[in-house]
């Protein structure tokens, strides 16, 4: 029974890995196989007979899905996220051109400029503890993805505020419904505006494909999905990486002093504290054997990214240790196979820029509360802390 409060996420993951390559679990009332070891997860993510299309899930499994749970919006999304085969390639193709490594690399000056603006805001805050997650790790990726997509500046705070309610599942059902309606309204109105007046942004590029590669409904769904996917994991990445670095001054000095690149700190944080804890769901199109375990046709498999990132079978003695002194083996935190995260280059860029500029701007940055006393995000999906209280220690800017 997976704990939705994430009170001891890593302890739970240890128990999952010890139990086997694929482990029967229950998550929000749904029964599934948990792929918690690295080898099992890698096989699951790329297996041609494990589909994200919910139509391959058994009727019993679909009936167990809770309408108000955190799994349902992902499992039931009729978007690129759950498309397969030619349909997946059709929906993903236009975005692959936008999110190429070359185009993302060209965005570095803009990402640096946005980061500098948020660092100036931090420097202007009153003395005392600052919640770095709220003041920096959250708004920075929201602003960057809003730039890429073309969300009007005057609507960004409204969009980010509503989405924060939804991604943290805070509030009553009425509050969640209101936040969803508010988020969708901003996106829908922006799409309509780009139909009337195209600009140099991603939404305009997608609108230009209407009637050809994409329908109007698919444009809206894609914009909505990209906004969420474009910042949620990066918020957790920045929060987790800063926490790990501040908790281990020796590791921080290796990157801050230039002995190791910031990119290694990003990759190690992604591995050790995957921004995604678990992610639903893949379904067996026919009986499938994974690491000696048979998954029957119609059964569901849960991807356990945080567990796989600490698998001693893959990472040896460093599995549960933050270590930037050497390059770790590749991780699966951005996925694997056809559904590998399109936004990985952007997430990595924002993470590297955020860390390097933050620690340069505030050389005395320190945790205001021990890392092991921070409250976890209470979610079966995400892995991070709800806050990150720090002392800025004076600005070097």
Protein backbone atom coordinates (compact mmCIF):
# COMPACT_ATOMS: atom_id res chain seq x y z
CA UNK A 1 0.00 0.00 0.00
CA UNK A 2 1.79 3.13 -1.22
CA UNK A 3 1.65 6.06 1.21
CA UNK A 4 0.04 9.13 -0.40
CA UNK A 5 1.59 11.41 2.22
CA UNK A 6 5.16 10.50 1.22
CA UNK A 7 6.11 10.54 4.92
CA UNK A 8 8.98 8.11 4.24
CA UNK A 9 9.21 7.94 0.45
CA UNK A 10 12.78 6.63 0.32
CA UNK A 11 12.17 4.04 3.01
CA UNK A 12 9.14 2.84 1.08
CA UNK A 13 11.22 2.71 -2.11
CA UNK A 14 13.89 0.65 -0.36
CA UNK A 15 11.23 -1.87 0.61
CA UNK A 16 9.85 -1.97 -2.93
CA UNK A 17 13.26 -2.72 -4.46
CA UNK A 18 13.98 -5.38 -1.87
CA UNK A 19 10.64 -7.07 -2.61
CA UNK A 20 11.45 -7.70 -6.27
CA UNK A 21 11.78 -6.36 -9.79
CA UNK A 22 8.02 -5.90 -10.15
CA UNK A 23 5.98 -5.67 -6.94
CA UNK A 24 2.18 -5.77 -6.57
CA UNK A 25 1.03 -2.52 -4.95
CA UNK A 26 -2.10 -0.51 -4.30
CA UNK A 27 -2.07 3.22 -5.01
CA UNK A 28 -5.20 5.33 -4.39
CA UNK A 29 -7.27 2.15 -4.53
CA UNK A 30 -5.72 1.05 -7.84
CA UNK A 31 -3.84 -2.22 -8.01
CA UNK A 32 -0.74 -2.28 -10.20
CA UNK A 33 2.75 -3.65 -10.58
CA UNK A 34 5.45 -1.28 -9.30
CA UNK A 35 8.64 -1.15 -11.38
CA UNK A 36 11.07 0.04 -8.72
CA UNK A 37 14.41 -1.44 -9.77
CA UNK A 38 16.34 0.36 -12.49
CA UNK A 39 16.47 -2.61 -14.87
CA UNK A 40 12.73 -3.27 -14.50
CA UNK A 41 11.78 0.38 -15.01
CA UNK A 42 14.02 0.72 -18.06
CA UNK A 43 12.40 -2.37 -19.58
CA UNK A 44 8.89 -1.17 -18.77
CA UNK A 45 9.37 2.30 -20.25
CA UNK A 46 10.53 0.96 -23.61
CA UNK A 47 8.57 -2.29 -23.94
CA UNK A 48 6.42 -2.34 -27.12
CA UNK A 49 3.71 -4.41 -25.43
CA UNK A 50 3.20 -1.99 -22.54
CA UNK A 51 1.00 0.88 -23.69
CA UNK A 52 -0.04 4.18 -22.14
CA UNK A 53 -3.41 3.91 -23.88
CA UNK A 54 -6.00 3.40 -21.12
CA UNK A 55 -8.14 1.28 -23.45
CA UNK A 56 -5.69 -1.55 -22.80
CA UNK A 57 -6.41 -1.47 -19.05
CA UNK A 58 -8.79 -4.11 -17.73
CA UNK A 59 -12.38 -3.08 -16.99
CA UNK A 60 -11.80 -3.95 -13.33
CA UNK A 61 -8.79 -1.67 -13.22
CA UNK A 62 -10.64 1.25 -14.80
CA UNK A 63 -13.48 0.88 -12.31
CA UNK A 64 -11.02 1.22 -9.41
CA UNK A 65 -9.83 4.66 -10.57
CA UNK A 66 -10.98 7.40 -8.19
CA UNK A 67 -12.47 10.40 -9.97
CA UNK A 68 -11.07 12.85 -7.41
CA UNK A 69 -7.63 11.26 -7.06
CA UNK A 70 -4.30 12.44 -8.46
CA UNK A 71 -4.04 9.51 -10.91
CA UNK A 72 -7.25 10.13 -12.85
CA UNK A 73 -6.27 13.38 -14.66
CA UNK A 74 -3.11 11.72 -15.97
CA UNK A 75 -4.55 8.30 -16.77
CA UNK A 76 -7.57 9.74 -18.59
CA UNK A 77 -5.81 12.56 -20.49
CA UNK A 78 -6.55 12.26 -24.20
CA UNK A 79 -3.31 13.93 -25.23
CA UNK A 80 0.17 13.16 -26.47
CA UNK A 81 0.96 11.90 -22.98
CA UNK A 82 -1.12 8.76 -23.48
CA UNK A 83 -1.03 8.44 -27.28
CA UNK A 84 0.87 5.61 -28.92
CA UNK A 85 2.27 4.70 -32.31
CA UNK A 86 1.45 6.93 -35.28
CA UNK A 87 -0.90 9.08 -33.19
CA UNK A 88 1.90 9.78 -30.71
CA UNK A 89 4.34 10.65 -33.50
CA UNK A 90 1.79 12.99 -35.11
CA UNK A 91 1.20 14.92 -31.88
CA UNK A 92 4.82 14.93 -30.76
CA UNK A 93 6.39 15.84 -34.12
CA UNK A 94 5.68 19.60 -34.10
CA UNK A 95 6.94 19.92 -30.53
CA UNK A 96 10.13 17.98 -31.22
CA UNK A 97 11.16 20.76 -33.59
CA UNK A 98 10.53 23.43 -30.94
CA UNK A 99 12.24 21.58 -28.09
CA UNK A 100 15.37 20.53 -29.98
CA UNK A 101 18.63 20.82 -28.06
CA UNK A 102 19.85 23.47 -30.52
CA UNK A 103 16.82 25.74 -30.07
CA UNK A 104 16.82 25.32 -26.32
CA UNK A 105 20.53 26.13 -26.19
CA UNK A 106 19.84 29.40 -27.97
CA UNK A 107 17.49 30.34 -25.13
CA UNK A 108 20.27 30.53 -22.53
CA UNK A 109 20.60 34.36 -22.61
CA UNK A 110 16.87 34.77 -21.99
CA UNK A 111 16.89 32.19 -19.18
CA UNK A 112 19.84 34.00 -17.61
CA UNK A 113 18.02 37.33 -17.85
CA UNK A 114 14.87 35.95 -16.21
CA UNK A 115 16.98 34.32 -13.48
CA UNK A 116 18.75 37.62 -12.81
CA UNK A 117 15.39 39.33 -12.33
CA UNK A 118 14.34 36.82 -9.67
CA UNK A 119 17.72 37.06 -7.94
CA UNK A 120 17.31 40.85 -7.74
CA UNK A 121 13.90 40.29 -6.14
CA UNK A 122 15.47 37.94 -3.59
CA UNK A 123 18.14 40.51 -2.77
CA UNK A 124 15.43 43.07 -2.06
CA UNK A 125 13.56 40.94 0.47
CA UNK A 126 13.67 41.84 4.19
CA UNK A 127 16.31 40.09 6.35
CA UNK A 128 15.43 36.69 7.76
CA UNK A 129 14.51 33.26 6.43
CA UNK A 130 13.25 33.12 2.84
CA UNK A 131 11.23 30.28 1.32
CA UNK A 132 13.39 29.69 -1.74
CA UNK A 133 10.87 27.30 -3.26
CA UNK A 134 8.13 29.91 -3.24
CA UNK A 135 10.30 32.90 -4.16
CA UNK A 136 12.65 31.33 -6.72
CA UNK A 137 12.30 27.63 -7.56
CA UNK A 138 8.60 27.92 -8.40
CA UNK A 139 8.25 31.25 -10.26
CA UNK A 140 11.41 30.89 -12.36
CA UNK A 141 10.38 27.81 -14.41
CA UNK A 142 6.83 29.20 -14.70
CA UNK A 143 8.19 32.40 -16.22
CA UNK A 144 10.52 30.56 -18.60
CA UNK A 145 7.87 28.21 -19.97
CA UNK A 146 5.45 31.14 -20.22
CA UNK A 147 8.05 32.95 -22.33
CA UNK A 148 8.50 29.95 -24.61
CA UNK A 149 4.77 29.46 -25.05
CA UNK A 150 3.78 33.11 -25.36
CA UNK A 151 1.56 33.55 -22.29
CA UNK A 152 0.87 37.31 -21.96
CA UNK A 153 2.89 38.81 -19.08
CA UNK A 154 -0.22 40.27 -17.46
CA UNK A 155 -1.85 36.81 -17.25
CA UNK A 156 1.11 34.82 -15.93
CA UNK A 157 0.57 35.33 -12.20
CA UNK A 158 -3.07 34.27 -12.55
CA UNK A 159 -2.12 31.18 -14.55
CA UNK A 160 0.69 30.17 -12.18
CA UNK A 161 -1.49 30.69 -9.11
CA UNK A 162 -4.29 28.48 -10.39
CA UNK A 163 -1.89 25.82 -11.58
CA UNK A 164 -0.12 25.78 -8.21
CA UNK A 165 -3.42 24.88 -6.55
CA UNK A 166 -3.96 22.04 -9.03
CA UNK A 167 -0.45 20.58 -8.99
CA UNK A 168 -0.33 20.54 -5.18
CA UNK A 169 -3.98 19.36 -4.95
CA UNK A 170 -4.63 21.91 -2.20
CA UNK A 171 -8.12 23.01 -1.31
CA UNK A 172 -11.69 21.77 -1.50
CA UNK A 173 -13.16 20.15 -4.62
CA UNK A 174 -14.81 23.51 -5.32
CA UNK A 175 -11.48 25.34 -5.05
CA UNK A 176 -9.84 22.82 -7.37
CA UNK A 177 -12.65 23.16 -9.90
CA UNK A 178 -12.35 26.95 -9.76
CA UNK A 179 -8.57 26.77 -10.24
CA UNK A 180 -8.97 24.42 -13.21
CA UNK A 181 -11.51 26.72 -14.82
CA UNK A 182 -9.24 29.73 -14.24
CA UNK A 183 -6.20 28.00 -15.72
CA UNK A 184 -8.13 26.78 -18.74
CA UNK A 185 -9.60 30.22 -19.34
CA UNK A 186 -6.18 31.87 -19.55
CA UNK A 187 -4.94 29.21 -21.96
CA UNK A 188 -8.09 29.31 -24.10
CA UNK A 189 -8.04 33.11 -24.34
CA UNK A 190 -4.34 33.12 -25.24
CA UNK A 191 -4.93 30.57 -27.99
CA UNK A 192 -7.78 32.70 -29.35
CA UNK A 193 -5.59 35.80 -29.30
CA UNK A 194 -2.85 34.00 -31.24
CA UNK A 195 -5.41 32.95 -33.84
CA UNK A 196 -6.16 36.65 -34.36
CA UNK A 197 -2.61 37.95 -33.97
CA UNK A 198 0.19 35.36 -34.34
CA UNK A 199 3.51 36.08 -32.62
CA UNK A 200 6.93 34.49 -32.37
CA UNK A 201 6.03 31.86 -29.78
CA UNK A 202 5.08 28.22 -29.36
CA UNK A 203 1.31 28.79 -29.15
CA UNK A 204 1.38 30.63 -32.48
CA UNK A 205 3.37 27.77 -34.02
CA UNK A 206 0.75 25.28 -32.83
CA UNK A 207 -2.17 27.42 -33.96
CA UNK A 208 -0.61 27.55 -37.43
CA UNK A 209 -0.99 23.75 -37.61
CA UNK A 210 -4.76 23.83 -37.03
CA UNK A 211 -6.69 22.17 -39.80
CA UNK A 212 -3.59 20.30 -40.90
CA UNK A 213 -1.45 18.43 -38.39
CA UNK A 214 -3.61 19.35 -35.36
CA UNK A 215 -7.26 20.02 -34.56
CA UNK A 216 -8.33 23.03 -32.50
CA UNK A 217 -9.00 20.80 -29.51
CA UNK A 218 -5.58 19.21 -29.80
CA UNK A 219 -3.94 22.65 -29.82
CA UNK A 220 -5.64 23.54 -26.53
CA UNK A 221 -4.84 20.18 -24.94
CA UNK A 222 -1.20 20.40 -26.04
CA UNK A 223 -0.76 23.93 -24.71
CA UNK A 224 -2.29 22.95 -21.37
CA UNK A 225 -0.14 19.84 -21.06
CA UNK A 226 3.06 21.67 -22.03
CA UNK A 227 2.52 24.42 -19.48
CA UNK A 228 2.16 21.93 -16.65
CA UNK A 229 4.94 19.59 -17.81
CA UNK A 230 7.15 22.57 -18.60
CA UNK A 231 7.54 23.73 -15.03
CA UNK A 232 6.38 21.20 -12.42
CA UNK A 233 9.39 18.89 -12.57
CA UNK A 234 11.83 21.82 -12.83
CA UNK A 235 10.40 23.37 -9.66
CA UNK A 236 11.17 20.14 -7.81
CA UNK A 237 14.56 19.80 -9.50
CA UNK A 238 15.72 23.24 -8.35
CA UNK A 239 14.30 22.77 -4.83
CA UNK A 240 15.90 19.35 -4.44
CA UNK A 241 19.26 20.35 -5.90
CA UNK A 242 19.66 23.42 -3.70
CA UNK A 243 18.70 21.40 -0.62
CA UNK A 244 21.21 18.65 -1.46
CA UNK A 245 24.03 21.11 -2.12
CA UNK A 246 23.43 23.14 1.04
CA UNK A 247 23.29 19.97 3.13
CA UNK A 248 26.75 18.90 1.89
CA UNK A 249 29.21 21.83 1.77
CA UNK A 250 32.00 19.64 0.39
CA UNK A 251 29.94 18.71 -2.66
CA UNK A 252 28.83 22.33 -3.09
CA UNK A 253 32.43 23.55 -3.11
CA UNK A 254 33.33 21.15 -5.92
CA UNK A 255 30.87 22.83 -8.27
CA UNK A 256 31.02 26.37 -6.93
CA UNK A 257 34.82 26.30 -7.11
CA UNK A 258 34.77 25.04 -10.70
CA UNK A 259 36.25 21.59 -10.11
CA UNK A 260 33.02 20.04 -11.38
CA UNK A 261 30.40 21.46 -13.78
CA UNK A 262 26.95 22.48 -12.64
CA UNK A 263 25.50 20.02 -15.11
CA UNK A 264 26.77 17.16 -12.94
CA UNK A 265 25.00 18.61 -9.90
CA UNK A 266 21.77 18.76 -11.93
CA UNK A 267 22.07 15.16 -13.12
CA UNK A 268 22.96 13.86 -9.66
CA UNK A 269 20.00 15.69 -8.13
CA UNK A 270 17.72 14.25 -10.82
CA UNK A 271 18.99 10.77 -10.02
CA UNK A 272 19.02 10.90 -6.23
CA UNK A 273 15.84 12.96 -5.73
CA UNK A 274 13.80 12.38 -8.87
CA UNK A 275 11.23 15.20 -9.26
CA UNK A 276 8.69 12.46 -10.02
CA UNK A 277 8.14 9.88 -7.30
CA UNK A 278 5.75 7.59 -9.19
CA UNK A 279 4.02 8.08 -12.52
CA UNK A 280 1.00 6.24 -13.94
CA UNK A 281 0.50 4.08 -15.90
CA UNK A 282 1.29 1.47 -18.58
CA UNK A 283 -0.95 -1.46 -19.51
CA UNK A 284 -0.07 -4.87 -20.90
CA UNK A 285 -1.39 -5.30 -24.43
CA UNK A 286 -0.74 -9.04 -24.05
CA UNK A 287 1.00 -11.20 -21.43
CA UNK A 288 4.49 -9.75 -20.94
CA UNK A 289 7.50 -11.00 -18.97
CA UNK A 290 9.62 -8.32 -17.26
CA UNK A 291 12.67 -9.41 -15.26
CA UNK A 292 11.17 -12.85 -14.72
CA UNK A 293 7.72 -11.59 -13.67
CA UNK A 294 4.66 -12.12 -15.88
CA UNK A 295 2.36 -9.14 -16.30
CA UNK A 296 -1.00 -10.37 -17.59
CA UNK A 297 -2.89 -8.69 -20.40
CA UNK A 298 -4.85 -5.71 -19.07
CA UNK A 299 -2.78 -5.28 -15.90
CA UNK A 300 -1.28 -1.89 -15.03
CA UNK A 301 2.36 -1.05 -14.31
CA UNK A 302 3.46 1.97 -12.26
CA UNK A 303 6.76 3.69 -13.07
CA UNK A 304 8.73 4.30 -9.84
CA UNK A 305 11.35 6.87 -10.83
CA UNK A 306 12.51 7.83 -7.35
CA UNK A 307 13.07 4.19 -6.40
CA UNK A 308 15.02 3.39 -9.58
CA UNK A 309 17.30 6.39 -9.04
CA UNK A 310 18.61 4.89 -5.79
CA UNK A 311 18.93 1.29 -6.95
CA UNK A 312 22.21 -0.19 -5.61
CA UNK A 313 22.05 -2.71 -8.43
CA UNK A 314 22.61 0.18 -10.84
CA UNK A 315 24.49 2.78 -8.79
CA UNK A 316 26.44 0.70 -6.27
CA UNK A 317 27.72 2.39 -3.15
CA UNK A 318 26.72 5.87 -4.28
CA UNK A 319 23.05 4.86 -4.72
CA UNK A 320 21.76 6.77 -1.67
CA UNK A 321 24.55 9.38 -1.57
CA UNK A 322 24.81 12.77 -3.30
CA UNK A 323 28.15 12.66 -5.12
CA UNK A 324 29.23 15.13 -7.80
CA UNK A 325 32.89 14.08 -7.70
CA UNK A 326 32.40 11.69 -10.60
CA UNK A 327 29.86 11.27 -13.39
CA UNK A 328 27.07 8.90 -12.33
CA UNK A 329 25.65 6.34 -14.75
CA UNK A 330 22.65 7.70 -16.69
CA UNK A 331 19.32 7.92 -14.85
CA UNK A 332 15.69 7.50 -15.94
CA UNK A 333 14.19 10.60 -14.33
CA UNK A 334 13.24 12.07 -17.71
CA UNK A 335 11.91 8.73 -18.90
CA UNK A 336 13.10 6.37 -21.60
CA UNK A 337 11.86 5.19 -24.97
CA UNK A 338 9.23 6.86 -27.18
CA UNK A 339 7.78 8.92 -24.30
CA UNK A 340 11.13 10.39 -23.19
CA UNK A 341 10.46 13.88 -21.85
CA UNK A 342 10.42 16.49 -24.62
CA UNK A 343 11.29 19.21 -22.15
CA UNK A 344 14.44 17.55 -20.81
CA UNK A 345 16.84 19.99 -22.56
CA UNK A 346 14.88 22.97 -21.21
CA UNK A 347 14.67 21.53 -17.69
CA UNK A 348 18.40 20.87 -17.65
CA UNK A 349 19.17 24.37 -18.94
CA UNK A 350 16.96 26.10 -16.37
CA UNK A 351 18.40 23.93 -13.60
CA UNK A 352 22.02 24.68 -14.50
CA UNK A 353 21.44 28.41 -14.91
CA UNK A 354 19.40 28.65 -11.70
CA UNK A 355 21.99 26.85 -9.57
CA UNK A 356 25.07 28.58 -10.95
CA UNK A 357 23.61 32.09 -10.74
CA UNK A 358 21.96 31.55 -7.34
CA UNK A 359 25.13 30.41 -5.60
CA UNK A 360 27.17 33.14 -7.30
CA UNK A 361 24.68 35.80 -6.19
CA UNK A 362 24.48 34.56 -2.59
CA UNK A 363 27.81 33.02 -1.54
CA UNK A 364 26.65 32.80 2.08
CA UNK A 365 23.44 30.94 1.28
CA UNK A 366 22.53 28.46 4.03
CA UNK A 367 19.63 26.30 5.13
CA UNK A 368 17.46 27.95 7.79
CA UNK A 369 16.18 24.54 8.89
CA UNK A 370 17.87 21.11 8.79
CA UNK A 371 17.17 19.31 5.53
CA UNK A 372 15.76 16.24 7.29
CA UNK A 373 13.15 18.38 9.09
CA UNK A 374 11.53 19.77 5.94
CA UNK A 375 8.00 18.58 5.15
CA UNK A 376 7.64 16.45 2.01
CA UNK A 377 5.20 17.30 -0.75
CA UNK A 378 2.25 15.07 0.14
CA UNK A 379 1.80 13.34 -3.18
CA UNK A 380 2.16 9.91 -4.72
CA UNK A 381 3.43 11.64 -7.86
CA UNK A 382 5.98 14.25 -6.78
CA UNK A 383 9.14 14.09 -4.69
CA UNK A 384 10.26 17.31 -3.05
CA UNK A 385 9.64 19.49 0.00
CA UNK A 386 6.78 21.93 0.46
CA UNK A 387 9.16 24.71 1.45
CA UNK A 388 12.88 25.45 1.36
CA UNK A 389 13.67 28.00 4.09
CA UNK A 390 17.11 29.56 3.64
CA UNK A 391 19.21 32.46 4.90
CA UNK A 392 20.52 34.41 1.92
CA UNK A 393 23.60 35.66 3.77
CA UNK A 394 23.95 38.88 1.77
CA UNK A 395 24.03 39.44 -1.96
CA UNK A 396 27.15 39.60 -4.09
CA UNK A 397 25.20 41.29 -6.89
